[in-house]
Amino acid sequence: MSTTVTVRFAVDREYTFDLTDNAVATLEPDAARSWLAHQMDALECDMPNKMGKILAADIALALAHCAGESLFAEGGEWAQCYAQAVAAIFDRPVVLVDVEQNRIG
């Protein structure tokens, strides 16, 4: 089963990453969460909920918003790693990170 991760900033501005099973399987969910958290720190992003439990969906959305559209538009290594981490965490064939609507679908 391959995985498709789409990061949407607007209806006409979305970036799709198709990942192989092998690419997703090489990253454990805990390692994926750690990667996302490290990137939040590296990019000096605000944590979505400074009090209480922080959900993986909150981190994925906050990081996409903070990183900005340009990193996804480039389609480079960072965007691929983000897509791989999101795919590993959510473990489903299609993941939509809708930054505009602030939701994971």
C-alpha atoms as a PDB file:
ATOM      1  CA  MET A   1       0.000   0.000   0.000  1.00  0.00           C
ATOM      2  CA  SER A   2       1.468   3.338  -1.001  1.00  0.00           C
ATOM      3  CA  THR A   3       0.639   6.556   0.793  1.00  0.00           C
ATOM      4  CA  THR A   4      -0.264   9.945  -0.633  1.00  0.00           C
ATOM      5  CA  VAL A   5       0.217  13.005   1.556  1.00  0.00           C
ATOM      6  CA  THR A   6      -1.238  16.283   0.330  1.00  0.00           C
ATOM      7  CA  VAL A   7      -0.485  19.598   2.015  1.00  0.00           C
ATOM      8  CA  ARG A   8      -3.068  22.215   1.061  1.00  0.00           C
ATOM      9  CA  PHE A   9      -2.640  25.935   1.606  1.00  0.00           C
ATOM     10  CA  ALA A  10      -5.619  26.875  -0.599  1.00  0.00           C
ATOM     11  CA  VAL A  11      -7.842  25.086  -3.092  1.00  0.00           C
ATOM     12  CA  ASP A  12      -5.504  25.929  -5.958  1.00  0.00           C
ATOM     13  CA  ARG A  13      -2.282  25.618  -3.928  1.00  0.00           C
ATOM     14  CA  GLU A  14      -1.691  22.073  -2.789  1.00  0.00           C
ATOM     15  CA  TYR A  15       1.374  19.866  -2.874  1.00  0.00           C
ATOM     16  CA  THR A  16       1.145  16.102  -3.170  1.00  0.00           C
ATOM     17  CA  PHE A  17       3.797  13.593  -2.156  1.00  0.00           C
ATOM     18  CA  ASP A  18       3.492   9.950  -3.180  1.00  0.00           C
ATOM     19  CA  LEU A  19       5.394   7.631  -0.877  1.00  0.00           C
ATOM     20  CA  THR A  20       6.216   3.977  -1.326  1.00  0.00           C
ATOM     21  CA  ASP A  21       5.477   1.407   1.338  1.00  0.00           C
ATOM     22  CA  ASN A  22       9.198   1.099   1.965  1.00  0.00           C
ATOM     23  CA  ALA A  23       9.623   4.841   2.530  1.00  0.00           C
ATOM     24  CA  VAL A  24       6.849   4.854   5.117  1.00  0.00           C
ATOM     25  CA  ALA A  25       7.934   1.605   6.799  1.00  0.00           C
ATOM     26  CA  THR A  26      11.474   2.867   7.423  1.00  0.00           C
ATOM     27  CA  LEU A  27      10.210   5.456   9.910  1.00  0.00           C
ATOM     28  CA  GLU A  28       8.600   4.343  13.162  1.00  0.00           C
ATOM     29  CA  PRO A  29       5.753   6.541  14.460  1.00  0.00           C
ATOM     30  CA  ASP A  30       7.778   7.611  17.539  1.00  0.00           C
ATOM     31  CA  ALA A  31      10.706   8.638  15.336  1.00  0.00           C
ATOM     32  CA  ALA A  32       8.283  10.517  13.081  1.00  0.00           C
ATOM     33  CA  ARG A  33       6.871  12.433  16.058  1.00  0.00           C
ATOM     34  CA  SER A  34      10.409  13.245  17.187  1.00  0.00           C
ATOM     35  CA  TRP A  35      11.305  14.528  13.716  1.00  0.00           C
ATOM     36  CA  LEU A  36       8.245  16.793  13.656  1.00  0.00           C
ATOM     37  CA  ALA A  37       9.013  18.098  17.160  1.00  0.00           C
ATOM     38  CA  HIS A  38      12.655  18.724  16.237  1.00  0.00           C
ATOM     39  CA  GLN A  39      11.567  20.672  13.151  1.00  0.00           C
ATOM     40  CA  MET A  40       9.181  22.727  15.280  1.00  0.00           C
ATOM     41  CA  ASP A  41      12.179  23.710  17.417  1.00  0.00           C
ATOM     42  CA  ALA A  42      14.526  24.233  14.463  1.00  0.00           C
ATOM     43  CA  LEU A  43      12.081  26.555  12.705  1.00  0.00           C
ATOM     44  CA  GLU A  44      11.174  28.248  16.002  1.00  0.00           C
ATOM     45  CA  CYS A  45       7.489  27.447  15.577  1.00  0.00           C
ATOM     46  CA  ASP A  46       5.003  28.009  18.361  1.00  0.00           C
ATOM     47  CA  MET A  47       3.634  24.820  19.850  1.00  0.00           C
ATOM     48  CA  PRO A  48      -0.105  24.611  19.154  1.00  0.00           C
ATOM     49  CA  ASN A  49      -1.149  23.938  22.738  1.00  0.00           C
ATOM     50  CA  LYS A  50       1.324  24.943  25.404  1.00  0.00           C
ATOM     51  CA  MET A  51      -0.851  23.451  28.123  1.00  0.00           C
ATOM     52  CA  GLY A  52      -2.142  19.927  28.114  1.00  0.00           C
ATOM     53  CA  LYS A  53      -1.636  17.137  25.637  1.00  0.00           C
ATOM     54  CA  ILE A  54      -0.283  17.998  22.207  1.00  0.00           C
ATOM     55  CA  LEU A  55      -1.721  15.788  19.480  1.00  0.00           C
ATOM     56  CA  ALA A  56       0.225  14.647  16.429  1.00  0.00           C
ATOM     57  CA  ALA A  57      -2.367  16.325  14.210  1.00  0.00           C
ATOM     58  CA  ASP A  58      -1.779  19.646  15.985  1.00  0.00           C
ATOM     59  CA  ILE A  59       1.975  19.392  15.469  1.00  0.00           C
ATOM     60  CA  ALA A  60       1.632  18.372  11.807  1.00  0.00           C
ATOM     61  CA  LEU A  61      -0.657  21.330  11.110  1.00  0.00           C
ATOM     62  CA  ALA A  62       1.385  23.841  13.101  1.00  0.00           C
ATOM     63  CA  LEU A  63       4.617  22.787  11.421  1.00  0.00           C
ATOM     64  CA  ALA A  64       3.151  23.006   7.907  1.00  0.00           C
ATOM     65  CA  HIS A  65       1.787  26.468   8.714  1.00  0.00           C
ATOM     66  CA  CYS A  66       5.045  27.655  10.278  1.00  0.00           C
ATOM     67  CA  ALA A  67       7.308  26.187   7.584  1.00  0.00           C
ATOM     68  CA  GLY A  68       5.274  27.927   4.943  1.00  0.00           C
ATOM     69  CA  GLU A  69       4.210  27.089   1.456  1.00  0.00           C
ATOM     70  CA  SER A  70       7.589  27.689  -0.164  1.00  0.00           C
ATOM     71  CA  LEU A  71       9.202  24.642   1.473  1.00  0.00           C
ATOM     72  CA  PHE A  72       6.456  22.425   0.071  1.00  0.00           C
ATOM     73  CA  ALA A  73       6.457  24.115  -3.337  1.00  0.00           C
ATOM     74  CA  GLU A  74      10.161  23.314  -3.705  1.00  0.00           C
ATOM     75  CA  GLY A  75       9.360  19.635  -3.193  1.00  0.00           C
ATOM     76  CA  GLY A  76      12.822  19.098  -1.752  1.00  0.00           C
ATOM     77  CA  GLU A  77      14.177  16.831   0.936  1.00  0.00           C
ATOM     78  CA  TRP A  78      12.531  18.701   3.808  1.00  0.00           C
ATOM     79  CA  ALA A  79       9.057  18.399   2.261  1.00  0.00           C
ATOM     80  CA  GLN A  80       9.628  14.714   1.490  1.00  0.00           C
ATOM     81  CA  CYS A  81      10.717  14.079   5.093  1.00  0.00           C
ATOM     82  CA  TYR A  82       7.662  15.936   6.379  1.00  0.00           C
ATOM     83  CA  ALA A  83       5.389  13.811   4.183  1.00  0.00           C
ATOM     84  CA  GLN A  84       7.150  10.636   5.315  1.00  0.00           C
ATOM     85  CA  ALA A  85       6.738  11.580   8.986  1.00  0.00           C
ATOM     86  CA  VAL A  86       3.061  12.429   8.553  1.00  0.00           C
ATOM     87  CA  ALA A  87       2.461   9.164   6.683  1.00  0.00           C
ATOM     88  CA  ALA A  88       4.187   7.161   9.423  1.00  0.00           C
ATOM     89  CA  ILE A  89       2.152   8.798  12.175  1.00  0.00           C
ATOM     90  CA  PHE A  90      -1.286   8.572  10.585  1.00  0.00           C
ATOM     91  CA  ASP A  91      -0.760   5.152   8.944  1.00  0.00           C
ATOM     92  CA  ARG A  92      -3.395   5.404   6.228  1.00  0.00           C
ATOM     93  CA  PRO A  93      -3.249   5.469   2.417  1.00  0.00           C
ATOM     94  CA  VAL A  94      -4.313   9.105   1.969  1.00  0.00           C
ATOM     95  CA  VAL A  95      -3.564  11.989   4.325  1.00  0.00           C
ATOM     96  CA  LEU A  96      -4.636  15.586   3.728  1.00  0.00           C
ATOM     97  CA  VAL A  97      -2.960  18.281   5.801  1.00  0.00           C
ATOM     98  CA  ASP A  98      -5.294  21.193   5.181  1.00  0.00           C
ATOM     99  CA  VAL A  99      -3.493  24.252   6.495  1.00  0.00           C
ATOM    100  CA  GLU A 100      -6.199  26.602   5.231  1.00  0.00           C
ATOM    101  CA  GLN A 101      -8.985  24.786   7.122  1.00  0.00           C
ATOM    102  CA  ASN A 102      -6.687  23.768  10.006  1.00  0.00           C
ATOM    103  CA  ARG A 103      -7.569  20.069   9.827  1.00  0.00           C
ATOM    104  CA  ILE A 104      -6.198  16.662   8.944  1.00  0.00           C
ATOM    105  CA  GLY A 105      -8.340  14.612   6.598  1.00  0.00           C
END
